[in-house]
Amino acid sequence: MDNDIIEKIVNAVISEINIKKTSAGASAVADNGAYHPVNIKKDKPVDITKDMPVSSVINVSTETNEQEHKASFDGTVDITSKEVKSIPLIENPADEDALRRMMSKTPARIGVGRSGPRLKTQTMLALRADHASARDAVFLDVDEKLLESLGLFSVKTKCNDKNEFLTRPDLGREFDPETEQEIKSKCVANPDVQIYLSDGLSSRAIEANAANILPALMEGLKNQGFSVGTPFFVKFGRVASMDHISELLGAKVTCVLIGERPGLGSGESMSAYIAYKATVGMPEANRTVVSNIYSGGISAVEAGAYISEVIAKIMQNQASGVNLKK
């Protein structure tokens, strides 16, 4: 389908949703603000290349319980929201309760139904919106104001821009000599634990979680009596950049809080990679990982407290990764 046609469908659907009252009653939003899934009519061909009211294109199912479809909105509905996605779009499911239970346990796109052999319009639009959000998470930069509010100075790897970062992972692990000197001059040497943040593959993960996870983690480590190095931010950073930082600062444990590759379920997931006396070229199996840190997984505050306990265990055993479990 051409992008122009898709854009016309999107604009038509959005225009119809913004109408709170219609004369014909064939609208995706009822007078009371209730949301209903929509289906494309199949009884006659429609020329969607022409501007026309969406009420002449869609047929609204009003058989479902309106109370279940209510959403709080100011004239629009966010089809990517958890509330809207939790509504089954399969017509007359054999066991609706079981379907709802399954949908509540996973962000996977189940229970979306179909229109003929194709996805329903609502599902397709949500998919495109989620894909756009994932791209934004990768390509946008972390807000400088956030880094300033957290008191973090910023350095970058050998990558000069986002495209080079994505195509040259090796450069995202290394620093120029000038940057290495800056890190050494601004950070405390030989700490028990060195923490830093990096955008990785999701700047949104940093913006969504950093303000909550960093204070919780720092406080947890200090309460356990560990000396904590100067936190900072690495732009265009890969996980293995922690190995260079460990050698530069002489930290016993290095921990990077980094944005993970976004999926179509969330673009805000962060992970913590932790290593005991990390060295350049060490096996990846020597890293301990705490993942799925975001609002739909482990909350940032809870993760900060948990990571401090993991680091305490690493310090006690003087090992990380698979060696920690031997």
C-alpha atoms as a PDB file:
ATOM      1  CA  MET A   1       0.000   0.000   0.000  1.00  0.00           C
ATOM      2  CA  ASP A   2       1.363   3.469  -0.932  1.00  0.00           C
ATOM      3  CA  ASN A   3       2.461   5.743   1.878  1.00  0.00           C
ATOM      4  CA  ASP A   4       0.100   8.460   0.616  1.00  0.00           C
ATOM      5  CA  ILE A   5      -2.863   6.107   0.935  1.00  0.00           C
ATOM      6  CA  ILE A   6      -1.777   4.989   4.414  1.00  0.00           C
ATOM      7  CA  GLU A   7      -1.422   8.633   5.434  1.00  0.00           C
ATOM      8  CA  LYS A   8      -4.944   9.366   4.225  1.00  0.00           C
ATOM      9  CA  ILE A   9      -6.276   6.442   6.266  1.00  0.00           C
ATOM     10  CA  VAL A  10      -4.411   7.631   9.363  1.00  0.00           C
ATOM     11  CA  ASN A  11      -5.640  11.196   8.970  1.00  0.00           C
ATOM     12  CA  ALA A  12      -9.194  10.010   8.378  1.00  0.00           C
ATOM     13  CA  VAL A  13      -9.159   7.782  11.465  1.00  0.00           C
ATOM     14  CA  ILE A  14      -7.687  10.545  13.636  1.00  0.00           C
ATOM     15  CA  SER A  15     -10.248  13.053  12.354  1.00  0.00           C
ATOM     16  CA  GLU A  16     -13.092  10.676  13.160  1.00  0.00           C
ATOM     17  CA  ILE A  17     -11.758   9.935  16.639  1.00  0.00           C
ATOM     18  CA  ASN A  18     -11.663  13.680  17.382  1.00  0.00           C
ATOM     19  CA  ILE A  19     -15.401  13.937  16.711  1.00  0.00           C
ATOM     20  CA  LYS A  20     -17.227  13.324  19.963  1.00  0.00           C
ATOM     21  CA  LYS A  21     -20.702  13.363  18.477  1.00  0.00           C
ATOM     22  CA  THR A  22     -21.813  12.241  15.046  1.00  0.00           C
ATOM     23  CA  SER A  23     -25.150  12.366  13.386  1.00  0.00           C
ATOM     24  CA  ALA A  24     -24.969   8.894  11.889  1.00  0.00           C
ATOM     25  CA  GLY A  25     -23.601   7.125  14.937  1.00  0.00           C
ATOM     26  CA  ALA A  26     -20.935   5.298  12.879  1.00  0.00           C
ATOM     27  CA  SER A  27     -17.963   6.691  14.738  1.00  0.00           C
ATOM     28  CA  ALA A  28     -14.976   5.141  16.541  1.00  0.00           C
ATOM     29  CA  VAL A  29     -15.851   7.259  19.584  1.00  0.00           C
ATOM     30  CA  ALA A  30     -19.293   7.155  21.144  1.00  0.00           C
ATOM     31  CA  ASP A  31     -20.957  10.177  22.746  1.00  0.00           C
ATOM     32  CA  ASN A  32     -19.814   9.094  26.176  1.00  0.00           C
ATOM     33  CA  GLY A  33     -16.180   8.925  25.102  1.00  0.00           C
ATOM     34  CA  ALA A  34     -16.092   5.105  24.838  1.00  0.00           C
ATOM     35  CA  TYR A  35     -13.618   3.594  22.392  1.00  0.00           C
ATOM     36  CA  HIS A  36     -14.609   0.831  19.960  1.00  0.00           C
ATOM     37  CA  PRO A  37     -12.435  -1.199  17.568  1.00  0.00           C
ATOM     38  CA  VAL A  38     -13.204  -0.579  13.917  1.00  0.00           C
ATOM     39  CA  ASN A  39     -13.503  -2.832  10.876  1.00  0.00           C
ATOM     40  CA  ILE A  40     -13.194  -1.976   7.188  1.00  0.00           C
ATOM     41  CA  LYS A  41     -16.348  -2.694   5.221  1.00  0.00           C
ATOM     42  CA  LYS A  42     -15.973  -5.436   2.679  1.00  0.00           C
ATOM     43  CA  ASP A  43     -19.416  -5.279   1.033  1.00  0.00           C
ATOM     44  CA  LYS A  44     -18.389  -2.727  -1.590  1.00  0.00           C
ATOM     45  CA  PRO A  45     -15.145  -1.237  -2.936  1.00  0.00           C
ATOM     46  CA  VAL A  46     -14.012   2.067  -1.477  1.00  0.00           C
ATOM     47  CA  ASP A  47     -11.771   4.589  -3.190  1.00  0.00           C
ATOM     48  CA  ILE A  48      -9.540   5.604  -0.280  1.00  0.00           C
ATOM     49  CA  THR A  49      -7.491   7.877  -2.532  1.00  0.00           C
ATOM     50  CA  LYS A  50     -10.280  10.447  -2.229  1.00  0.00           C
ATOM     51  CA  ASP A  51     -10.992  12.520   0.835  1.00  0.00           C
ATOM     52  CA  MET A  52     -14.145  11.235   2.513  1.00  0.00           C
ATOM     53  CA  PRO A  53     -15.500  10.998   6.053  1.00  0.00           C
ATOM     54  CA  VAL A  54     -14.296   7.887   7.806  1.00  0.00           C
ATOM     55  CA  SER A  55     -17.879   7.098   8.835  1.00  0.00           C
ATOM     56  CA  SER A  56     -18.493   6.012   5.237  1.00  0.00           C
ATOM     57  CA  VAL A  57     -15.537   3.606   5.367  1.00  0.00           C
ATOM     58  CA  ILE A  58     -15.731   1.978   8.793  1.00  0.00           C
ATOM     59  CA  ASN A  59     -18.327  -0.076  10.540  1.00  0.00           C
ATOM     60  CA  VAL A  60     -18.280   0.033  14.310  1.00  0.00           C
ATOM     61  CA  SER A  61     -19.066  -3.003  16.466  1.00  0.00           C
ATOM     62  CA  THR A  62     -21.226  -1.924  19.381  1.00  0.00           C
ATOM     63  CA  GLU A  63     -21.881  -5.366  20.802  1.00  0.00           C
ATOM     64  CA  THR A  64     -18.977  -5.331  23.263  1.00  0.00           C
ATOM     65  CA  ASN A  65     -19.340  -3.918  26.735  1.00  0.00           C
ATOM     66  CA  GLU A  66     -18.841  -0.150  26.482  1.00  0.00           C
ATOM     67  CA  GLN A  67     -17.557   0.017  30.021  1.00  0.00           C
ATOM     68  CA  GLU A  68     -14.572  -2.158  29.041  1.00  0.00           C
ATOM     69  CA  HIS A  69     -13.599   0.157  26.207  1.00  0.00           C
ATOM     70  CA  LYS A  70     -13.646   3.417  28.100  1.00  0.00           C
ATOM     71  CA  ALA A  71     -10.420   5.415  27.994  1.00  0.00           C
ATOM     72  CA  SER A  72      -9.443   8.728  29.470  1.00  0.00           C
ATOM     73  CA  PHE A  73      -8.513  11.124  26.690  1.00  0.00           C
ATOM     74  CA  ASP A  74      -8.934  14.713  25.543  1.00  0.00           C
ATOM     75  CA  GLY A  75     -10.499  14.035  22.179  1.00  0.00           C
ATOM     76  CA  THR A  76      -7.935  11.490  20.958  1.00  0.00           C
ATOM     77  CA  VAL A  77      -7.049   7.900  21.747  1.00  0.00           C
ATOM     78  CA  ASP A  78      -3.471   6.636  22.073  1.00  0.00           C
ATOM     79  CA  ILE A  79      -3.669   3.314  20.252  1.00  0.00           C
ATOM     80  CA  THR A  80      -0.190   2.419  21.539  1.00  0.00           C
ATOM     81  CA  SER A  81      -1.227   2.715  25.192  1.00  0.00           C
ATOM     82  CA  LYS A  82      -1.329  -0.333  27.446  1.00  0.00           C
ATOM     83  CA  GLU A  83      -5.039   0.228  28.139  1.00  0.00           C
ATOM     84  CA  VAL A  84      -6.035   0.166  24.472  1.00  0.00           C
ATOM     85  CA  LYS A  85      -3.740  -2.746  23.615  1.00  0.00           C
ATOM     86  CA  SER A  86      -5.294  -4.804  26.415  1.00  0.00           C
ATOM     87  CA  ILE A  87      -8.646  -4.840  24.582  1.00  0.00           C
ATOM     88  CA  PRO A  88      -9.064  -8.047  22.524  1.00  0.00           C
ATOM     89  CA  LEU A  89      -9.890  -7.350  18.875  1.00  0.00           C
ATOM     90  CA  ILE A  90     -10.891 -10.930  18.081  1.00  0.00           C
ATOM     91  CA  GLU A  91     -14.612 -11.108  17.463  1.00  0.00           C
ATOM     92  CA  ASN A  92     -16.498 -13.660  19.578  1.00  0.00           C
ATOM     93  CA  PRO A  93     -13.477 -15.472  21.101  1.00  0.00           C
ATOM     94  CA  ALA A  94     -14.160 -18.983  22.384  1.00  0.00           C
ATOM     95  CA  ASP A  95     -12.801 -18.102  25.842  1.00  0.00           C
ATOM     96  CA  GLU A  96     -12.557 -14.346  26.295  1.00  0.00           C
ATOM     97  CA  ASP A  97     -11.455 -14.576  29.937  1.00  0.00           C
ATOM     98  CA  ALA A  98      -8.529 -16.830  29.021  1.00  0.00           C
ATOM     99  CA  LEU A  99      -7.603 -14.508  26.157  1.00  0.00           C
ATOM    100  CA  ARG A 100      -7.580 -11.489  28.444  1.00  0.00           C
ATOM    101  CA  ARG A 101      -5.425 -13.331  30.970  1.00  0.00           C
ATOM    102  CA  MET A 102      -2.896 -14.197  28.263  1.00  0.00           C
ATOM    103  CA  MET A 103      -2.857 -10.616  26.971  1.00  0.00           C
ATOM    104  CA  SER A 104      -2.224  -9.299  30.487  1.00  0.00           C
ATOM    105  CA  LYS A 105       0.872 -11.499  30.825  1.00  0.00           C
ATOM    106  CA  THR A 106       2.739 -10.427  27.697  1.00  0.00           C
ATOM    107  CA  PRO A 107       3.325  -7.349  25.506  1.00  0.00           C
ATOM    108  CA  ALA A 108       3.278  -9.640  22.451  1.00  0.00           C
ATOM    109  CA  ARG A 109       0.622  -8.870  19.833  1.00  0.00           C
ATOM    110  CA  ILE A 110      -1.889 -11.594  20.567  1.00  0.00           C
ATOM    111  CA  GLY A 111      -5.651 -11.315  20.338  1.00  0.00           C
ATOM    112  CA  VAL A 112      -5.473  -8.741  17.536  1.00  0.00           C
ATOM    113  CA  GLY A 113      -7.736 -10.572  15.110  1.00  0.00           C
ATOM    114  CA  ARG A 114      -7.728  -9.879  11.378  1.00  0.00           C
ATOM    115  CA  SER A 115      -9.725  -8.367   8.558  1.00  0.00           C
ATOM    116  CA  GLY A 116      -9.731 -11.005   5.854  1.00  0.00           C
ATOM    117  CA  PRO A 117      -6.092 -12.068   5.415  1.00  0.00           C
ATOM    118  CA  ARG A 118      -4.776  -8.741   6.729  1.00  0.00           C
ATOM    119  CA  LEU A 119      -4.204  -7.002  10.028  1.00  0.00           C
ATOM    120  CA  LYS A 120      -6.969  -4.739  11.248  1.00  0.00           C
ATOM    121  CA  THR A 121      -6.416  -1.025  10.716  1.00  0.00           C
ATOM    122  CA  GLN A 122      -5.999  -0.359  14.436  1.00  0.00           C
ATOM    123  CA  THR A 123      -3.336  -3.063  14.739  1.00  0.00           C
ATOM    124  CA  MET A 124      -1.473  -1.833  11.672  1.00  0.00           C
ATOM    125  CA  LEU A 125      -1.425   1.763  12.900  1.00  0.00           C
ATOM    126  CA  ALA A 126      -0.241   0.699  16.364  1.00  0.00           C
ATOM    127  CA  LEU A 127       2.515  -1.363  14.749  1.00  0.00           C
ATOM    128  CA  ARG A 128       3.701   1.609  12.686  1.00  0.00           C
ATOM    129  CA  ALA A 129       3.582   3.892  15.725  1.00  0.00           C
ATOM    130  CA  ASP A 130       5.604   1.438  17.833  1.00  0.00           C
ATOM    131  CA  HIS A 131       8.145   1.069  15.044  1.00  0.00           C
ATOM    132  CA  ALA A 132       8.515   4.850  14.819  1.00  0.00           C
ATOM    133  CA  SER A 133       9.001   5.024  18.593  1.00  0.00           C
ATOM    134  CA  ALA A 134      11.716   2.362  18.417  1.00  0.00           C
ATOM    135  CA  ARG A 135      13.539   4.292  15.685  1.00  0.00           C
ATOM    136  CA  ASP A 136      13.357   7.472  17.743  1.00  0.00           C
ATOM    137  CA  ALA A 137      14.846   5.646  20.727  1.00  0.00           C
ATOM    138  CA  VAL A 138      17.845   4.658  18.612  1.00  0.00           C
ATOM    139  CA  PHE A 139      18.451   7.845  16.655  1.00  0.00           C
ATOM    140  CA  LEU A 140      17.636  10.628  19.128  1.00  0.00           C
ATOM    141  CA  ASP A 141      20.235  11.930  21.578  1.00  0.00           C
ATOM    142  CA  VAL A 142      19.874  12.054  25.351  1.00  0.00           C
ATOM    143  CA  ASP A 143      18.675  15.437  26.590  1.00  0.00           C
ATOM    144  CA  GLU A 144      21.664  17.468  27.811  1.00  0.00           C
ATOM    145  CA  LYS A 145      19.515  19.057  30.511  1.00  0.00           C
ATOM    146  CA  LEU A 146      18.937  15.648  32.076  1.00  0.00           C
ATOM    147  CA  LEU A 147      22.671  14.972  32.261  1.00  0.00           C
ATOM    148  CA  GLU A 148      23.244  18.392  33.830  1.00  0.00           C
ATOM    149  CA  SER A 149      20.514  17.805  36.415  1.00  0.00           C
ATOM    150  CA  LEU A 150      22.221  14.537  37.421  1.00  0.00           C
ATOM    151  CA  GLY A 151      25.623  16.223  37.632  1.00  0.00           C
ATOM    152  CA  LEU A 152      27.160  14.046  34.919  1.00  0.00           C
ATOM    153  CA  PHE A 153      29.918  15.210  32.628  1.00  0.00           C
ATOM    154  CA  SER A 154      29.774  13.768  29.111  1.00  0.00           C
ATOM    155  CA  VAL A 155      32.372  12.133  26.875  1.00  0.00           C
ATOM    156  CA  LYS A 156      32.047  10.170  23.640  1.00  0.00           C
ATOM    157  CA  THR A 157      33.674   7.151  22.096  1.00  0.00           C
ATOM    158  CA  LYS A 158      35.572   7.196  18.809  1.00  0.00           C
ATOM    159  CA  CYS A 159      32.257   7.352  16.920  1.00  0.00           C
ATOM    160  CA  ASN A 160      31.569  10.754  15.379  1.00  0.00           C
ATOM    161  CA  ASP A 161      27.843  10.353  14.788  1.00  0.00           C
ATOM    162  CA  LYS A 162      24.946   7.937  15.194  1.00  0.00           C
ATOM    163  CA  ASN A 163      25.378   6.309  11.783  1.00  0.00           C
ATOM    164  CA  GLU A 164      29.010   5.484  12.510  1.00  0.00           C
ATOM    165  CA  PHE A 165      27.987   4.168  15.923  1.00  0.00           C
ATOM    166  CA  LEU A 166      25.484   1.775  14.329  1.00  0.00           C
ATOM    167  CA  THR A 167      27.801   0.576  11.564  1.00  0.00           C
ATOM    168  CA  ARG A 168      31.082   0.440  13.524  1.00  0.00           C
ATOM    169  CA  PRO A 169      30.493  -1.269  16.883  1.00  0.00           C
ATOM    170  CA  ASP A 170      34.263  -1.517  17.405  1.00  0.00           C
ATOM    171  CA  LEU A 171      34.573   2.278  17.586  1.00  0.00           C
ATOM    172  CA  GLY A 172      31.853   2.374  20.233  1.00  0.00           C
ATOM    173  CA  ARG A 173      34.114   0.392  22.569  1.00  0.00           C
ATOM    174  CA  GLU A 174      37.145   2.704  22.402  1.00  0.00           C
ATOM    175  CA  PHE A 175      38.130   6.267  23.317  1.00  0.00           C
ATOM    176  CA  ASP A 176      40.560   8.781  21.856  1.00  0.00           C
ATOM    177  CA  PRO A 177      43.642   9.534  23.975  1.00  0.00           C
ATOM    178  CA  GLU A 178      42.245  13.002  24.754  1.00  0.00           C
ATOM    179  CA  THR A 179      39.003  11.497  26.025  1.00  0.00           C
ATOM    180  CA  GLU A 180      40.867   8.953  28.131  1.00  0.00           C
ATOM    181  CA  GLN A 181      42.832  11.770  29.743  1.00  0.00           C
ATOM    182  CA  GLU A 182      39.625  13.702  30.440  1.00  0.00           C
ATOM    183  CA  ILE A 183      38.063  10.680  32.149  1.00  0.00           C
ATOM    184  CA  LYS A 184      41.166  10.169  34.311  1.00  0.00           C
ATOM    185  CA  SER A 185      41.354  13.833  35.269  1.00  0.00           C
ATOM    186  CA  LYS A 186      37.676  14.185  36.237  1.00  0.00           C
ATOM    187  CA  CYS A 187      37.127  10.857  38.010  1.00  0.00           C
ATOM    188  CA  VAL A 188      38.305   9.467  41.330  1.00  0.00           C
ATOM    189  CA  ALA A 189      41.037   6.862  40.852  1.00  0.00           C
ATOM    190  CA  ASN A 190      40.887   3.297  42.185  1.00  0.00           C
ATOM    191  CA  PRO A 191      37.318   3.240  43.542  1.00  0.00           C
ATOM    192  CA  ASP A 192      35.647   0.076  44.730  1.00  0.00           C
ATOM    193  CA  VAL A 193      32.844   0.650  42.218  1.00  0.00           C
ATOM    194  CA  GLN A 194      32.769   2.804  39.092  1.00  0.00           C
ATOM    195  CA  ILE A 195      29.326   3.590  37.658  1.00  0.00           C
ATOM    196  CA  TYR A 196      28.639   5.319  34.378  1.00  0.00           C
ATOM    197  CA  LEU A 197      25.709   5.661  31.985  1.00  0.00           C
ATOM    198  CA  SER A 198      25.641   5.242  28.219  1.00  0.00           C
ATOM    199  CA  ASP A 199      22.991   5.745  25.547  1.00  0.00           C
ATOM    200  CA  GLY A 200      23.776   2.470  23.796  1.00  0.00           C
ATOM    201  CA  LEU A 201      20.892   1.651  21.474  1.00  0.00           C
ATOM    202  CA  SER A 202      18.192   3.579  23.337  1.00  0.00           C
ATOM    203  CA  SER A 203      18.475   7.180  24.449  1.00  0.00           C
ATOM    204  CA  ARG A 204      14.927   6.954  25.786  1.00  0.00           C
ATOM    205  CA  ALA A 205      16.022   4.284  28.258  1.00  0.00           C
ATOM    206  CA  ILE A 206      18.373   6.808  29.834  1.00  0.00           C
ATOM    207  CA  GLU A 207      15.774   9.568  29.893  1.00  0.00           C
ATOM    208  CA  ALA A 208      13.125   7.283  31.378  1.00  0.00           C
ATOM    209  CA  ASN A 209      15.211   5.585  34.078  1.00  0.00           C
ATOM    210  CA  ALA A 210      18.426   7.456  34.903  1.00  0.00           C
ATOM    211  CA  ALA A 211      16.942   9.966  37.348  1.00  0.00           C
ATOM    212  CA  ASN A 212      15.547   7.148  39.513  1.00  0.00           C
ATOM    213  CA  ILE A 213      18.079   4.351  39.204  1.00  0.00           C
ATOM    214  CA  LEU A 214      21.297   6.321  39.719  1.00  0.00           C
ATOM    215  CA  PRO A 215      20.493   7.820  43.167  1.00  0.00           C
ATOM    216  CA  ALA A 216      19.119   4.474  44.404  1.00  0.00           C
ATOM    217  CA  LEU A 217      22.214   2.614  43.237  1.00  0.00           C
ATOM    218  CA  MET A 218      24.682   5.173  44.602  1.00  0.00           C
ATOM    219  CA  GLU A 219      22.930   5.264  47.966  1.00  0.00           C
ATOM    220  CA  GLY A 220      22.777   1.467  48.188  1.00  0.00           C
ATOM    221  CA  LEU A 221      26.508   1.117  47.525  1.00  0.00           C
ATOM    222  CA  LYS A 222      27.491   3.815  50.016  1.00  0.00           C
ATOM    223  CA  ASN A 223      25.288   2.237  52.702  1.00  0.00           C
ATOM    224  CA  GLN A 224      27.259  -0.979  52.231  1.00  0.00           C
ATOM    225  CA  GLY A 225      30.529   0.860  52.777  1.00  0.00           C
ATOM    226  CA  PHE A 226      31.876   0.836  49.209  1.00  0.00           C
ATOM    227  CA  SER A 227      33.755   3.774  47.741  1.00  0.00           C
ATOM    228  CA  VAL A 228      31.996   4.902  44.566  1.00  0.00           C
ATOM    229  CA  GLY A 229      33.765   6.660  41.712  1.00  0.00           C
ATOM    230  CA  THR A 230      32.608   9.745  39.837  1.00  0.00           C
ATOM    231  CA  PRO A 231      29.601   8.896  37.643  1.00  0.00           C
ATOM    232  CA  PHE A 232      29.537  10.252  34.100  1.00  0.00           C
ATOM    233  CA  PHE A 233      27.882   9.711  30.694  1.00  0.00           C
ATOM    234  CA  VAL A 234      29.318   8.092  27.553  1.00  0.00           C
ATOM    235  CA  LYS A 235      27.779   9.017  24.215  1.00  0.00           C
ATOM    236  CA  PHE A 236      27.779   6.421  21.409  1.00  0.00           C
ATOM    237  CA  GLY A 237      28.884   3.759  23.884  1.00  0.00           C
ATOM    238  CA  ARG A 238      28.882  -0.026  23.590  1.00  0.00           C
ATOM    239  CA  VAL A 239      28.943  -2.417  26.550  1.00  0.00           C
ATOM    240  CA  ALA A 240      32.629  -3.241  26.135  1.00  0.00           C
ATOM    241  CA  SER A 241      33.608   0.406  26.644  1.00  0.00           C
ATOM    242  CA  MET A 242      33.455  -0.515  30.341  1.00  0.00           C
ATOM    243  CA  ASP A 243      36.634  -2.557  29.906  1.00  0.00           C
ATOM    244  CA  HIS A 244      38.646   0.532  28.898  1.00  0.00           C
ATOM    245  CA  ILE A 245      37.108   2.563  31.722  1.00  0.00           C
ATOM    246  CA  SER A 246      37.941  -0.163  34.239  1.00  0.00           C
ATOM    247  CA  GLU A 247      41.599  -0.133  33.181  1.00  0.00           C
ATOM    248  CA  LEU A 248      41.749   3.675  33.084  1.00  0.00           C
ATOM    249  CA  LEU A 249      40.378   4.187  36.601  1.00  0.00           C
ATOM    250  CA  GLY A 250      41.533   1.008  38.317  1.00  0.00           C
ATOM    251  CA  ALA A 251      38.077   0.155  39.639  1.00  0.00           C
ATOM    252  CA  LYS A 252      37.460  -3.187  41.308  1.00  0.00           C
ATOM    253  CA  VAL A 253      33.922  -3.345  39.890  1.00  0.00           C
ATOM    254  CA  THR A 254      32.668  -1.416  36.873  1.00  0.00           C
ATOM    255  CA  CYS A 255      28.954  -1.025  36.162  1.00  0.00           C
ATOM    256  CA  VAL A 256      27.445   0.543  33.044  1.00  0.00           C
ATOM    257  CA  LEU A 257      23.766   1.472  32.880  1.00  0.00           C
ATOM    258  CA  ILE A 258      23.032   1.327  29.161  1.00  0.00           C
ATOM    259  CA  GLY A 259      20.061   1.585  26.822  1.00  0.00           C
ATOM    260  CA  GLU A 260      19.118  -1.712  25.199  1.00  0.00           C
ATOM    261  CA  ARG A 261      18.023  -2.299  21.610  1.00  0.00           C
ATOM    262  CA  PRO A 262      14.350  -1.296  21.504  1.00  0.00           C
ATOM    263  CA  GLY A 263      11.678  -3.704  20.403  1.00  0.00           C
ATOM    264  CA  LEU A 264       8.110  -3.041  19.312  1.00  0.00           C
ATOM    265  CA  GLY A 265       6.966  -3.502  22.904  1.00  0.00           C
ATOM    266  CA  SER A 266       9.116  -0.829  24.548  1.00  0.00           C
ATOM    267  CA  GLY A 267      11.923   1.545  23.632  1.00  0.00           C
ATOM    268  CA  GLU A 268      12.790   2.414  27.241  1.00  0.00           C
ATOM    269  CA  SER A 269      14.479  -0.765  28.481  1.00  0.00           C
ATOM    270  CA  MET A 270      17.805  -0.372  30.279  1.00  0.00           C
ATOM    271  CA  SER A 271      20.317  -2.988  31.385  1.00  0.00           C
ATOM    272  CA  ALA A 272      23.158  -2.960  33.905  1.00  0.00           C
ATOM    273  CA  TYR A 273      26.359  -4.762  32.874  1.00  0.00           C
ATOM    274  CA  ILE A 274      28.696  -5.425  35.777  1.00  0.00           C
ATOM    275  CA  ALA A 275      32.235  -6.870  35.774  1.00  0.00           C
ATOM    276  CA  TYR A 276      34.909  -7.537  38.380  1.00  0.00           C
ATOM    277  CA  LYS A 277      38.278  -6.060  37.350  1.00  0.00           C
ATOM    278  CA  ALA A 278      37.260  -5.847  33.717  1.00  0.00           C
ATOM    279  CA  THR A 279      40.048  -5.863  31.134  1.00  0.00           C
ATOM    280  CA  VAL A 280      40.055  -5.165  27.408  1.00  0.00           C
ATOM    281  CA  GLY A 281      39.431  -8.368  25.462  1.00  0.00           C
ATOM    282  CA  MET A 282      38.003 -10.368  28.360  1.00  0.00           C
ATOM    283  CA  PRO A 283      35.246 -12.935  27.572  1.00  0.00           C
ATOM    284  CA  GLU A 284      31.689 -11.640  27.491  1.00  0.00           C
ATOM    285  CA  ALA A 285      30.787 -14.452  29.901  1.00  0.00           C
ATOM    286  CA  ASN A 286      32.607 -12.548  32.638  1.00  0.00           C
ATOM    287  CA  ARG A 287      29.874  -9.918  32.757  1.00  0.00           C
ATOM    288  CA  THR A 288      26.888 -10.074  35.077  1.00  0.00           C
ATOM    289  CA  VAL A 289      23.716  -8.566  33.597  1.00  0.00           C
ATOM    290  CA  VAL A 290      20.554  -7.143  35.146  1.00  0.00           C
ATOM    291  CA  SER A 291      18.117  -6.467  32.309  1.00  0.00           C
ATOM    292  CA  ASN A 292      14.529  -5.411  31.625  1.00  0.00           C
ATOM    293  CA  ILE A 293      14.771  -2.215  33.677  1.00  0.00           C
ATOM    294  CA  TYR A 294      11.772  -0.079  32.721  1.00  0.00           C
ATOM    295  CA  SER A 295       8.213   0.668  33.801  1.00  0.00           C
ATOM    296  CA  GLY A 296       6.911  -2.628  32.400  1.00  0.00           C
ATOM    297  CA  GLY A 297       9.674  -4.753  33.937  1.00  0.00           C
ATOM    298  CA  ILE A 298      11.852  -3.997  36.960  1.00  0.00           C
ATOM    299  CA  SER A 299      11.239  -0.429  38.137  1.00  0.00           C
ATOM    300  CA  ALA A 300      14.292   1.836  38.136  1.00  0.00           C
ATOM    301  CA  VAL A 301      14.303   2.353  41.907  1.00  0.00           C
ATOM    302  CA  GLU A 302      13.928  -1.359  42.623  1.00  0.00           C
ATOM    303  CA  ALA A 303      16.648  -2.160  40.096  1.00  0.00           C
ATOM    304  CA  GLY A 304      19.033   0.314  41.725  1.00  0.00           C
ATOM    305  CA  ALA A 305      18.627  -1.372  45.115  1.00  0.00           C
ATOM    306  CA  TYR A 306      18.954  -4.850  43.588  1.00  0.00           C
ATOM    307  CA  ILE A 307      22.084  -3.981  41.571  1.00  0.00           C
ATOM    308  CA  SER A 308      23.799  -2.713  44.740  1.00  0.00           C
ATOM    309  CA  GLU A 309      23.168  -6.136  46.308  1.00  0.00           C
ATOM    310  CA  VAL A 310      24.532  -7.902  43.216  1.00  0.00           C
ATOM    311  CA  ILE A 311      27.674  -5.754  43.323  1.00  0.00           C
ATOM    312  CA  ALA A 312      28.113  -6.574  47.016  1.00  0.00           C
ATOM    313  CA  LYS A 313      28.007 -10.287  46.119  1.00  0.00           C
ATOM    314  CA  ILE A 314      30.526  -9.729  43.314  1.00  0.00           C
ATOM    315  CA  MET A 315      32.876  -7.914  45.694  1.00  0.00           C
ATOM    316  CA  GLN A 316      32.554 -10.662  48.288  1.00  0.00           C
ATOM    317  CA  ASN A 317      33.334 -13.429  45.769  1.00  0.00           C
ATOM    318  CA  GLN A 318      35.786 -11.363  43.697  1.00  0.00           C
ATOM    319  CA  ALA A 319      34.167 -12.696  40.535  1.00  0.00           C
ATOM    320  CA  SER A 320      31.423 -11.815  38.058  1.00  0.00           C
ATOM    321  CA  GLY A 321      29.544 -13.465  35.204  1.00  0.00           C
ATOM    322  CA  VAL A 322      29.740 -17.243  34.983  1.00  0.00           C
ATOM    323  CA  ASN A 323      32.637 -17.234  37.457  1.00  0.00           C
ATOM    324  CA  LEU A 324      30.281 -15.891  40.118  1.00  0.00           C
ATOM    325  CA  LYS A 325      28.244 -19.092  39.990  1.00  0.00           C
ATOM    326  CA  LYS A 326      31.123 -21.563  40.158  1.00  0.00           C
END
